[in-house]
Amino acid sequence: MTLTKHERALLNLLDSHGGCTTQNISARMTDVSYGRTNRRLRSALIRAWLMALKRQGFVRYLDDQKPVC
């Protein structure tokens, strides 16, 4: 189970700060190159990485423990 550089960067970010929205994570991942994408596409890309990490058991939802509001 090898992680990509994007997934490792995402895990490093989540390790330092929990309870973020997908958009907040996308804004804070400045070291990852996305090419020419808008905010909605970047959030969708981050969500896809988060879902892949969730399937592998690296991340989980914190809605009931750390609400973002």
C-alpha atoms as a PDB file:
ATOM      1  CA  MET A   1       0.000   0.000   0.000  1.00  0.00           C
ATOM      2  CA  THR A   2       2.093   2.872  -1.317  1.00  0.00           C
ATOM      3  CA  LEU A   3       0.955   6.456  -0.881  1.00  0.00           C
ATOM      4  CA  THR A   4       1.408   9.082  -3.568  1.00  0.00           C
ATOM      5  CA  LYS A   5       3.192  12.340  -2.809  1.00  0.00           C
ATOM      6  CA  HIS A   6      -0.187  14.107  -2.814  1.00  0.00           C
ATOM      7  CA  GLU A   7      -1.633  11.682  -0.264  1.00  0.00           C
ATOM      8  CA  ARG A   8       1.443  12.058   1.949  1.00  0.00           C
ATOM      9  CA  ALA A   9       1.142  15.856   1.778  1.00  0.00           C
ATOM     10  CA  LEU A  10      -2.528  15.591   2.657  1.00  0.00           C
ATOM     11  CA  LEU A  11      -1.810  13.344   5.640  1.00  0.00           C
ATOM     12  CA  ASN A  12       0.903  15.732   6.866  1.00  0.00           C
ATOM     13  CA  LEU A  13      -1.572  18.596   6.718  1.00  0.00           C
ATOM     14  CA  LEU A  14      -4.276  16.647   8.544  1.00  0.00           C
ATOM     15  CA  ASP A  15      -1.783  15.564  11.180  1.00  0.00           C
ATOM     16  CA  SER A  16      -1.058  19.201  12.014  1.00  0.00           C
ATOM     17  CA  HIS A  17      -4.660  20.467  12.031  1.00  0.00           C
ATOM     18  CA  GLY A  18      -7.881  18.478  12.249  1.00  0.00           C
ATOM     19  CA  GLY A  19     -11.512  19.330  11.649  1.00  0.00           C
ATOM     20  CA  CYS A  20     -11.115  21.115   8.302  1.00  0.00           C
ATOM     21  CA  THR A  21     -13.471  21.378   5.388  1.00  0.00           C
ATOM     22  CA  THR A  22     -12.328  20.113   2.003  1.00  0.00           C
ATOM     23  CA  GLN A  23     -12.054  23.689   0.758  1.00  0.00           C
ATOM     24  CA  ASN A  24      -9.846  24.686   3.715  1.00  0.00           C
ATOM     25  CA  ILE A  25      -7.554  21.743   3.040  1.00  0.00           C
ATOM     26  CA  SER A  26      -7.385  22.666  -0.644  1.00  0.00           C
ATOM     27  CA  ALA A  27      -6.399  26.237   0.214  1.00  0.00           C
ATOM     28  CA  ARG A  28      -3.678  25.054   2.618  1.00  0.00           C
ATOM     29  CA  MET A  29      -2.107  22.509   0.225  1.00  0.00           C
ATOM     30  CA  THR A  30       0.076  25.007  -1.604  1.00  0.00           C
ATOM     31  CA  ASP A  31       3.000  22.636  -2.189  1.00  0.00           C
ATOM     32  CA  VAL A  32       1.004  20.369  -4.527  1.00  0.00           C
ATOM     33  CA  SER A  33       0.793  21.343  -8.190  1.00  0.00           C
ATOM     34  CA  TYR A  34      -2.719  21.137  -9.658  1.00  0.00           C
ATOM     35  CA  GLY A  35      -2.220  22.763 -13.007  1.00  0.00           C
ATOM     36  CA  ARG A  36      -4.953  25.103 -14.192  1.00  0.00           C
ATOM     37  CA  THR A  37      -7.985  24.315 -12.033  1.00  0.00           C
ATOM     38  CA  ASN A  38     -10.630  26.366 -10.315  1.00  0.00           C
ATOM     39  CA  ARG A  39     -11.620  26.169  -6.648  1.00  0.00           C
ATOM     40  CA  ARG A  40     -14.393  23.648  -7.251  1.00  0.00           C
ATOM     41  CA  LEU A  41     -12.162  21.251  -9.162  1.00  0.00           C
ATOM     42  CA  ARG A  42      -9.428  21.528  -6.519  1.00  0.00           C
ATOM     43  CA  SER A  43     -11.924  20.649  -3.785  1.00  0.00           C
ATOM     44  CA  ALA A  44     -13.151  17.689  -5.829  1.00  0.00           C
ATOM     45  CA  LEU A  45      -9.571  16.501  -6.247  1.00  0.00           C
ATOM     46  CA  ILE A  46      -8.908  16.791  -2.508  1.00  0.00           C
ATOM     47  CA  ARG A  47     -12.152  14.934  -1.794  1.00  0.00           C
ATOM     48  CA  ALA A  48     -11.101  12.112  -4.116  1.00  0.00           C
ATOM     49  CA  TRP A  49      -7.780  11.806  -2.276  1.00  0.00           C
ATOM     50  CA  LEU A  50      -9.579  11.873   1.088  1.00  0.00           C
ATOM     51  CA  MET A  51     -11.976   9.125   0.002  1.00  0.00           C
ATOM     52  CA  ALA A  52      -9.050   6.993  -1.191  1.00  0.00           C
ATOM     53  CA  LEU A  53      -7.302   7.494   2.167  1.00  0.00           C
ATOM     54  CA  LYS A  54     -10.532   6.694   4.003  1.00  0.00           C
ATOM     55  CA  ARG A  55     -10.883   3.403   2.113  1.00  0.00           C
ATOM     56  CA  GLN A  56      -7.321   2.537   3.160  1.00  0.00           C
ATOM     57  CA  GLY A  57      -8.101   3.375   6.792  1.00  0.00           C
ATOM     58  CA  PHE A  58      -5.833   6.432   7.140  1.00  0.00           C
ATOM     59  CA  VAL A  59      -8.540   9.061   7.741  1.00  0.00           C
ATOM     60  CA  ARG A  60     -12.069   9.133   9.137  1.00  0.00           C
ATOM     61  CA  TYR A  61     -14.887  11.608   9.572  1.00  0.00           C
ATOM     62  CA  LEU A  62     -14.708  13.900  12.609  1.00  0.00           C
ATOM     63  CA  ASP A  63     -18.138  15.514  12.198  1.00  0.00           C
ATOM     64  CA  ASP A  64     -19.394  14.296  15.563  1.00  0.00           C
ATOM     65  CA  GLN A  65     -16.145  15.048  17.440  1.00  0.00           C
ATOM     66  CA  LYS A  66     -14.814  18.271  15.880  1.00  0.00           C
ATOM     67  CA  PRO A  67     -17.536  20.179  14.063  1.00  0.00           C
ATOM     68  CA  VAL A  68     -16.197  22.875  11.758  1.00  0.00           C
ATOM     69  CA  CYS A  69     -18.852  25.513  12.541  1.00  0.00           C
END
